[in-house]
Structures are given as structure tokens and as C-alpha cells.
């Protein structure tokens, strides 16, 4: 099982930037993709961005393309989400999660049901 700890959330004005971090720890026998999800009040949790085990493949939800960047420091086993040009509709609790991919180190996972380890979440609030 993978343990995940997110950090970096906060309050920012519209147009501003934040960087979220997710540190992963724990022994696994499988590579895993990592993803950032968000959940706004009254809405379902949605995948925002995902990255493969080796960091070479990424996925972005349409509404964040060109504004958010997901990256991975493989030495630290930490994933980042750089969020620029933030909008009020980006306000949500952001969660980091992992999805096992076996020996596949280049596959990115875009289906929520495949993610089986979750962090505690970090609040991002964008004021307009």
C-alpha cells in the first residue's frame, strides 16, 4: 500500500498560481501512475491530471490544459501540480492518488476506478 501526503494548497486570487506536492512512500511490487483529482462542493471527484511511473507520459482534463502542469521527481517519489492562471471554478479539495500499472512504467491512467490509494486532500480556494 502506498501512503500519500499532499501539501501546497491555500487561498489565492484569480489569475494567481499555486504548486501542490504529493509525496509517496511505502513498499510496492508494482509500478504505479499518479493522478491529481479535485472535488468541489456538491460535485463528483474528477481527474485533473495524471502522470506515468517514469514521468514521461501525462494526461490533462480539458479545462486545465495549458494552465496546469503535472511533473514527477522520481528520486524523491514526489509528484507536483503547478497551477497557473487559476480561476474561481478551480476551487476544490485536491487529492493525490495512485493506480498500479504492474511492470508498465509509461502508462498513464485516466479512469478513476483504477486508483486505489488516496491522500487526505488539500484545499485550494481561488477568490475572484
Foldseek 3Di string as FASTA:
>chain_A
DKAKAKDWADEEAAQAKIKMKIFIDDDDQFQKKKFKWWDDPPGDIATAKIAFSVFPDMDGDPVQPPFWDWGADNVRNMIMIIGGRDDQVVWTWMKMFIATDGHDRGDIDRDPVRTDYIYPTDTHGYHD
